[in-house]
Amino acid sequence: MNIVIPKPFDGEAEYKFLETAKAALLAQTEPIVDAIFEREGVVAVLIDGTVCSGKKGVALELKKRIEERGRLAKVISMADFLKNRASFAEECKKRGVSMRQEAIGALDCTYFEKCLDLIFSEETALLPGYDYKEGVRCSWIPFTARENHVILIEGTYAMSPRVRLLS
């Protein structure tokens, strides 16, 4: 695929560029959805990428397409599993390392693993919601996967070996 970025952007050129990029994304989602439908039971799809690379948008587009074809889908954002900022800062201070919220150590992998275990056992998991302004988990949403549910896990470290072992 060859996308030409016009310079400088004007309204119409920007619109055409975005429409071309969206069409390319949509074309790439169909084979993924086809592969998902070849599997039975609860299926996990890991969506990884750099900060602001469109992981959530891809996850939401896949969710829409999966549901249009008759299967349940749930997007889980790994960012909601961040440790509370103050406790993570204290943990980093004790270890003598700099605090980086975007590092995998900032994720509560133990709780993430617990949630995945519950999800794949078709039991209820309490999925956290993270408040970036306050730096804390602020909500807990009960979720129970059903047979043939598709779990779309999006996050900067979704494909890290530590996370892939969990799913």
Foldseek 3Di string as FASTA:
>chain_A
DDQDQDPPDDDVSVVVSVVVVVVVLVVVLVVVLVVLVVDWWEAEDEFADDPPPCQVVSQVSNQVVNVVVPFAEDEAEQLQQFAQPVVQCVVCVVVVHDDDSQDPSRGPLVLVLVQLVCQRVQHWHFGWGADPVRRHTDGTDIDGHDISYYYYYYYNCRPPPSNVVSD
